[in-house]
Amino acid sequence: MRILVVEDEKDLNTILTKIFTKSGYQVDSCFNGDEAKYNIEQFEYDLVVSDIMMPVFNGLDLLKWMRNKNYITPFLLLTAKDSINDKVAGLDMGADDYLIKPFNIDELLARVRVLLRKNLTNKSSILYCGDLSLDILKKEVFRNSEEIKLIPKEFIILEYLIKNKGIVISREKLENQIWNFDNFGSSNNIDVYISRIRKKIDAKFSKKLLHTIKGVGWVLKDE
């Protein structure tokens, strides 16, 4: 699952990014709402965690922009201000939760888990392609009841492919899923990850699920 951190305090931004990454989430970060708008238009997020008081385009401006654009992504506001007016304004604009700085890390992670679970309401956290299953919350993958161990970036790629099963996904789209703007990887790494995933989910089984469409990209499908 992918989280966007929007925080202008560099130290706190770094801390939040490390905390969420260590907890198994894919994380992008930026330092104001204007940068966040660009990320949101480029990538699909499961949660936005944003400070309110920021330069250029603050957290409430970002929230209002997202809701006006019909983005329903869960939104958690962080702020040092404890005014009831700020809370009401954020919630009225469509914020899903509100946490005042300084906050307890365990409480933050608990609130994040709650919002992510709510986002899966009326959806199953388990995705399927034939006899392959992927549990988004538990980070588990099984094929024909046999557990398959994936490293984080392999899991991110497979999650994206299974969410879009039957659809051919280009190299560019996969790169956007695993690299953020601060950490671009080599394009060749995609081929390495795809090769590893294919070996893990297909090598031992007669029916192949992961297919290469030459010159276009890859598709996960059950035929």
Protein backbone atom coordinates (compact mmCIF):
# COMPACT_ATOMS: atom_id res chain seq x y z
CA MET A 1 0.00 0.00 0.00
CA ARG A 2 1.28 3.45 -0.93
CA ILE A 3 1.34 6.50 1.37
CA LEU A 4 2.11 10.11 0.48
CA VAL A 5 3.74 12.17 3.26
CA VAL A 6 3.38 15.95 2.90
CA GLU A 7 5.43 17.77 5.55
CA ASP A 8 7.61 20.88 5.23
CA GLU A 9 9.75 20.13 8.32
CA LYS A 10 12.57 18.13 6.78
CA ASP A 11 13.48 16.18 9.91
CA LEU A 12 9.89 15.17 10.59
CA ASN A 13 9.37 14.35 6.93
CA THR A 14 12.35 12.00 7.07
CA ILE A 15 11.17 10.41 10.33
CA LEU A 16 7.65 9.78 9.02
CA THR A 17 8.99 8.31 5.79
CA LYS A 18 11.27 5.93 7.71
CA ILE A 19 8.49 4.91 10.12
CA PHE A 20 6.02 4.07 7.36
CA THR A 21 8.66 2.33 5.25
CA LYS A 22 9.75 0.20 8.22
CA SER A 23 6.08 -0.71 8.74
CA GLY A 24 5.95 -2.19 5.25
CA TYR A 25 4.34 0.64 3.29
CA GLN A 26 5.60 2.18 0.08
CA VAL A 27 6.19 5.87 0.78
CA ASP A 28 6.61 9.02 -1.29
CA SER A 29 7.28 12.36 0.37
CA CYS A 30 7.15 16.04 -0.54
CA PHE A 31 7.45 19.35 1.29
CA ASN A 32 4.39 21.35 0.30
CA GLY A 33 0.93 20.95 -1.16
CA ASP A 34 1.95 22.08 -4.61
CA GLU A 35 4.47 19.23 -4.91
CA ALA A 36 1.84 16.87 -3.48
CA LYS A 37 -0.64 17.80 -6.22
CA TYR A 38 1.84 16.67 -8.86
CA ASN A 39 2.44 13.34 -7.09
CA ILE A 40 -1.29 12.71 -6.66
CA GLU A 41 -1.89 13.28 -10.36
CA GLN A 42 0.90 10.84 -11.25
CA PHE A 43 0.41 8.00 -8.78
CA GLU A 44 -2.36 6.11 -7.01
CA TYR A 45 -2.22 6.48 -3.22
CA ASP A 46 -3.98 4.57 -0.47
CA LEU A 47 -3.48 7.36 2.08
CA VAL A 48 -2.26 10.97 2.28
CA VAL A 49 -0.68 12.14 5.56
CA SER A 50 -0.30 15.92 5.47
CA ASP A 51 0.70 18.78 7.74
CA ILE A 52 -1.63 21.80 7.70
CA MET A 53 0.81 24.71 8.02
CA MET A 54 3.02 24.64 4.94
CA PRO A 55 4.31 27.21 2.43
CA VAL A 56 3.07 27.53 -1.15
CA PHE A 57 -0.06 25.39 -0.76
CA ASN A 58 -1.06 24.28 2.73
CA GLY A 59 -2.68 21.06 3.90
CA LEU A 60 -6.23 22.40 3.92
CA ASP A 61 -5.73 23.78 0.39
CA LEU A 62 -4.48 20.37 -0.72
CA LEU A 63 -7.42 18.60 0.89
CA LYS A 64 -9.92 20.98 -0.68
CA TRP A 65 -8.27 20.55 -4.10
CA MET A 66 -8.39 16.75 -3.81
CA ARG A 67 -12.05 16.63 -2.84
CA ASN A 68 -12.97 19.11 -5.60
CA LYS A 69 -11.15 16.81 -8.04
CA ASN A 70 -13.13 13.86 -6.65
CA TYR A 71 -10.11 12.10 -5.15
CA ILE A 72 -11.56 9.98 -2.35
CA THR A 73 -8.15 8.94 -0.97
CA PRO A 74 -8.19 8.84 2.86
CA PHE A 75 -6.59 11.98 4.30
CA LEU A 76 -4.93 12.32 7.72
CA LEU A 77 -4.12 15.87 8.86
CA LEU A 78 -1.13 16.61 11.11
CA THR A 79 -0.73 19.94 12.84
CA ALA A 80 0.78 21.65 15.87
CA LYS A 81 -2.34 23.77 16.18
CA ASP A 82 -5.03 22.46 18.52
CA SER A 83 -7.73 24.99 17.75
CA ILE A 84 -11.19 23.46 17.46
CA ASN A 85 -11.71 25.65 14.40
CA ASP A 86 -8.85 23.95 12.57
CA LYS A 87 -10.27 20.53 13.39
CA VAL A 88 -13.74 21.48 12.23
CA ALA A 89 -12.43 23.10 9.03
CA GLY A 90 -10.38 20.02 8.13
CA LEU A 91 -13.17 17.56 8.86
CA ASP A 92 -15.73 19.67 6.99
CA MET A 93 -13.44 19.69 3.94
CA GLY A 94 -13.33 15.91 3.94
CA ALA A 95 -10.41 14.94 6.19
CA ASP A 96 -10.76 11.40 7.57
CA ASP A 97 -8.76 11.96 10.75
CA TYR A 98 -6.77 14.59 12.62
CA LEU A 99 -3.66 14.22 14.80
CA ILE A 100 -2.00 16.98 16.81
CA LYS A 101 1.79 17.32 17.09
CA PRO A 102 3.65 16.08 19.02
CA PHE A 103 2.08 12.67 18.59
CA ASN A 104 2.85 9.14 19.70
CA ILE A 105 4.22 6.97 16.89
CA ASP A 106 2.18 3.94 17.92
CA GLU A 107 -1.00 6.03 17.87
CA LEU A 108 -0.11 7.40 14.43
CA LEU A 109 0.42 3.90 13.04
CA ALA A 110 -2.82 2.69 14.64
CA ARG A 111 -4.77 5.54 13.02
CA VAL A 112 -3.11 4.79 9.68
CA ARG A 113 -4.13 1.13 9.93
CA VAL A 114 -7.72 2.14 10.72
CA LEU A 115 -7.89 4.47 7.70
CA LEU A 116 -6.40 1.85 5.39
CA ARG A 117 -8.89 -0.74 6.63
CA LYS A 118 -11.75 1.70 6.06
CA ASN A 119 -10.47 2.29 2.55
CA LEU A 120 -10.88 -1.44 1.95
CA THR A 121 -14.51 -1.40 3.10
CA ASN A 122 -16.65 -3.31 0.61
CA LYS A 123 -13.43 -4.62 -0.90
CA SER A 124 -11.47 -7.68 0.05
CA SER A 125 -7.89 -7.22 1.16
CA ILE A 126 -7.14 -10.44 -0.72
CA LEU A 127 -6.71 -10.22 -4.48
CA TYR A 128 -6.80 -13.22 -6.82
CA CYS A 129 -5.59 -14.26 -10.22
CA GLY A 130 -6.48 -17.91 -10.77
CA ASP A 131 -4.97 -19.90 -7.89
CA LEU A 132 -2.65 -17.01 -6.98
CA SER A 133 -3.71 -14.89 -3.99
CA LEU A 134 -2.17 -11.73 -2.54
CA ASP A 135 -3.19 -10.28 0.83
CA ILE A 136 -2.59 -6.51 0.79
CA LEU A 137 -2.76 -6.08 4.56
CA LYS A 138 -0.86 -9.18 5.68
CA LYS A 139 1.71 -8.90 2.85
CA GLU A 140 1.24 -12.59 2.05
CA VAL A 141 1.25 -14.35 -1.32
CA PHE A 142 0.07 -17.91 -1.99
CA ARG A 143 -0.24 -20.04 -5.09
CA ASN A 144 -2.25 -23.23 -4.85
CA SER A 145 -1.98 -22.95 -1.02
CA GLU A 146 1.83 -22.73 -1.19
CA GLU A 147 3.26 -19.57 0.39
CA ILE A 148 5.53 -17.49 -1.83
CA LYS A 149 8.07 -15.17 -0.20
CA LEU A 150 8.59 -11.82 -1.93
CA ILE A 151 10.85 -8.91 -1.07
CA PRO A 152 9.05 -5.53 -0.71
CA LYS A 153 9.55 -4.24 -4.26
CA GLU A 154 8.53 -7.60 -5.73
CA PHE A 155 5.37 -7.44 -3.63
CA ILE A 156 4.64 -3.87 -4.82
CA ILE A 157 5.00 -4.90 -8.46
CA LEU A 158 2.88 -8.03 -8.08
CA GLU A 159 0.22 -6.08 -6.15
CA TYR A 160 0.00 -3.57 -9.00
CA LEU A 161 -0.16 -6.32 -11.63
CA ILE A 162 -2.85 -8.28 -9.81
CA LYS A 163 -4.91 -5.12 -9.23
CA ASN A 164 -4.77 -4.66 -13.00
CA LYS A 165 -4.99 -8.32 -14.04
CA GLY A 166 -5.77 -8.77 -17.69
CA ILE A 167 -4.37 -5.33 -18.52
CA VAL A 168 -0.97 -4.91 -20.16
CA ILE A 169 1.20 -2.70 -17.93
CA SER A 170 4.04 -0.72 -19.48
CA ARG A 171 7.57 -0.42 -18.12
CA GLU A 172 6.92 3.27 -17.32
CA LYS A 173 3.89 2.45 -15.16
CA LEU A 174 5.80 -0.17 -13.22
CA GLU A 175 8.71 2.22 -12.71
CA ASN A 176 6.28 4.78 -11.32
CA GLN A 177 5.05 2.20 -8.83
CA ILE A 178 8.41 1.26 -7.35
CA TRP A 179 10.53 4.41 -7.64
CA ASN A 180 9.74 7.76 -6.08
CA PHE A 181 11.14 11.08 -7.29
CA ASP A 182 14.01 10.96 -4.79
CA ASN A 183 15.08 7.44 -5.65
CA PHE A 184 14.99 6.59 -9.32
CA GLY A 185 16.31 3.13 -10.08
CA SER A 186 17.77 1.67 -13.23
CA SER A 187 15.22 0.73 -15.88
CA ASN A 188 16.93 -2.65 -16.13
CA ASN A 189 15.93 -3.37 -12.53
CA ILE A 190 12.35 -3.83 -13.69
CA ASP A 191 13.43 -6.78 -15.80
CA VAL A 192 15.29 -8.25 -12.82
CA TYR A 193 12.25 -7.96 -10.55
CA ILE A 194 9.90 -9.36 -13.19
CA SER A 195 12.25 -12.31 -13.72
CA ARG A 196 12.35 -13.03 -9.98
CA ILE A 197 8.58 -12.77 -9.63
CA ARG A 198 8.03 -15.08 -12.59
CA LYS A 199 10.33 -17.70 -11.10
CA LYS A 200 8.55 -17.52 -7.75
CA ILE A 201 4.95 -17.62 -8.96
CA ASP A 202 5.20 -19.58 -12.23
CA ALA A 203 8.27 -21.84 -12.37
CA LYS A 204 6.76 -24.72 -10.39
CA PHE A 205 3.34 -24.57 -12.04
CA SER A 206 2.18 -25.73 -15.46
CA LYS A 207 -0.20 -22.79 -15.92
CA LYS A 208 1.71 -19.54 -16.35
CA LEU A 209 0.18 -16.32 -15.06
CA LEU A 210 2.80 -13.65 -15.79
CA HIS A 211 3.25 -12.92 -19.49
CA THR A 212 5.56 -10.60 -21.42
CA ILE A 213 4.04 -8.65 -24.29
CA LYS A 214 7.08 -7.88 -26.39
CA GLY A 215 7.71 -4.18 -26.88
CA VAL A 216 4.72 -3.24 -24.72
CA GLY A 217 5.02 -4.54 -21.17
CA TRP A 218 3.67 -7.30 -18.92
CA VAL A 219 0.29 -8.71 -18.00
CA LEU A 220 -0.91 -10.99 -15.21
CA LYS A 221 -3.78 -13.14 -16.41
CA ASP A 222 -5.42 -16.50 -15.87
CA GLU A 223 -6.36 -18.29 -19.07
